[in-house]
Amino acid sequence: MSVPASRTALAQNSQATSARGFLRIVRHGAGPAAVYVLTYHRLDRMGSPPKPVLADGAQPLLDLLDQMGVDFRSSRVRGALEDVLRLGSANIPDLWLSGQQIVEQGLIER
């Protein structure tokens, strides 16, 4: 009978298969007509080049970030979203996504 893996071992294994990177968000336009372009940049520069994803408005942007698993409780994330609104662009650092998540979100060229 096999022994189940510990939770920390599973977490370490999932981190090993995930790509470390940052998400760049750029706002085009202002007000309710603003559109947002998201680009995930892998720090290891392995695989396909990044593919921009378009969010047509603030709510679709938040929905897309939520689907990616971005933690809105993090002060870094909240600060980046404030920068997008004030300055027009920002980076969300230290975002770990698996290869499958990157493909599912359409963040790389195929």
Protein backbone atom coordinates (compact mmCIF):
# COMPACT_ATOMS: atom_id res chain seq x y z
CA MET A 1 0.00 0.00 0.00
CA SER A 2 1.45 3.37 -0.97
CA VAL A 3 1.72 6.31 1.38
CA PRO A 4 -0.01 9.52 0.19
CA ALA A 5 2.30 12.44 -0.52
CA SER A 6 2.37 15.23 2.01
CA ARG A 7 0.74 18.55 1.21
CA THR A 8 4.12 20.36 1.22
CA ALA A 9 5.60 17.83 -1.19
CA LEU A 10 2.66 18.36 -3.55
CA ALA A 11 3.05 22.14 -3.29
CA GLN A 12 6.77 21.92 -4.08
CA ASN A 13 6.06 19.65 -7.04
CA SER A 14 3.43 22.02 -8.45
CA GLN A 15 5.84 24.97 -8.07
CA ALA A 16 8.51 23.03 -9.92
CA THR A 17 6.18 22.52 -12.89
CA SER A 18 5.00 26.14 -12.85
CA ALA A 19 6.67 28.95 -14.73
CA ARG A 20 7.66 32.02 -12.76
CA GLY A 21 6.88 35.29 -14.44
CA PHE A 22 5.07 38.57 -14.30
CA LEU A 23 1.88 39.88 -15.82
CA ARG A 24 2.03 43.21 -17.65
CA ILE A 25 -1.24 45.16 -17.84
CA VAL A 26 -1.59 48.18 -20.12
CA ARG A 27 -4.70 50.38 -20.27
CA HIS A 28 -5.76 51.97 -23.56
CA GLY A 29 -8.37 54.71 -23.31
CA ALA A 30 -10.15 56.08 -20.28
CA GLY A 31 -13.39 55.57 -18.42
CA PRO A 32 -15.87 52.82 -19.28
CA ALA A 33 -14.53 52.59 -22.84
CA ALA A 34 -11.02 51.61 -21.67
CA VAL A 35 -9.57 48.32 -22.85
CA TYR A 36 -6.77 46.42 -21.12
CA VAL A 37 -4.02 44.35 -22.71
CA LEU A 38 -2.46 41.61 -20.56
CA THR A 39 0.83 39.92 -21.42
CA TYR A 40 2.43 37.16 -19.32
CA HIS A 41 6.23 37.23 -19.44
CA ARG A 42 8.06 34.10 -18.27
CA LEU A 43 11.32 34.80 -16.49
CA ASP A 44 12.97 31.64 -17.82
CA ARG A 45 12.16 32.70 -21.43
CA MET A 46 11.38 29.10 -22.33
CA GLY A 47 8.67 28.07 -24.74
CA SER A 48 6.57 30.20 -27.04
CA PRO A 49 6.58 34.00 -27.08
CA PRO A 50 3.89 35.78 -25.05
CA LYS A 51 0.54 36.50 -26.65
CA PRO A 52 -1.43 39.58 -25.53
CA VAL A 53 -4.94 39.02 -24.18
CA LEU A 54 -7.58 41.74 -24.45
CA ALA A 55 -10.06 42.65 -21.70
CA ASP A 56 -12.84 45.01 -22.84
CA GLY A 57 -13.36 46.99 -19.64
CA ALA A 58 -12.58 46.89 -15.95
CA GLN A 59 -14.95 44.07 -14.97
CA PRO A 60 -13.71 41.68 -17.69
CA LEU A 61 -10.15 42.51 -16.54
CA LEU A 62 -10.98 41.55 -12.95
CA ASP A 63 -12.77 38.40 -14.13
CA LEU A 64 -9.74 37.37 -16.21
CA LEU A 65 -7.34 38.00 -13.31
CA ASP A 66 -9.60 35.97 -11.03
CA GLN A 67 -9.60 33.06 -13.51
CA MET A 68 -5.79 33.17 -13.51
CA GLY A 69 -5.77 32.83 -9.74
CA VAL A 70 -4.41 36.30 -8.95
CA ASP A 71 -4.72 37.02 -5.21
CA PHE A 72 -6.53 40.34 -4.86
CA ARG A 73 -5.74 40.42 -1.12
CA SER A 74 -2.04 40.93 -1.91
CA SER A 75 -0.85 44.50 -1.50
CA ARG A 76 1.35 44.09 -4.59
CA VAL A 77 -1.65 43.20 -6.73
CA ARG A 78 -3.78 46.02 -5.34
CA GLY A 79 -0.90 48.45 -5.88
CA ALA A 80 -0.45 47.27 -9.47
CA LEU A 81 -4.16 47.72 -10.20
CA GLU A 82 -4.01 51.24 -8.73
CA ASP A 83 -1.02 51.98 -10.98
CA VAL A 84 -2.95 50.78 -14.03
CA LEU A 85 -5.76 53.21 -13.19
CA ARG A 86 -3.43 56.13 -12.37
CA LEU A 87 -0.53 55.64 -14.77
CA GLY A 88 -1.94 53.41 -17.51
CA SER A 89 0.25 50.34 -16.99
CA ALA A 90 1.76 48.11 -14.31
CA ASN A 91 3.29 44.70 -13.63
CA ILE A 92 2.03 42.02 -11.26
CA PRO A 93 5.25 40.34 -10.12
CA ASP A 94 5.90 36.77 -8.93
CA LEU A 95 2.98 35.15 -10.71
CA TRP A 96 3.37 31.35 -10.93
CA LEU A 97 1.36 29.70 -13.71
CA SER A 98 1.62 26.14 -14.97
CA GLY A 99 2.10 25.46 -18.67
CA GLN A 100 -1.50 24.28 -18.85
CA GLN A 101 -2.79 27.49 -17.23
CA ILE A 102 -0.75 29.60 -19.65
CA VAL A 103 -2.22 27.75 -22.65
CA GLU A 104 -5.79 27.79 -21.25
CA GLN A 105 -5.66 31.55 -20.73
CA GLY A 106 -4.28 32.09 -24.24
CA LEU A 107 -1.16 33.80 -22.91
CA ILE A 108 1.29 32.22 -25.39
CA GLU A 109 1.45 31.80 -29.15
CA ARG A 110 0.75 28.26 -30.30
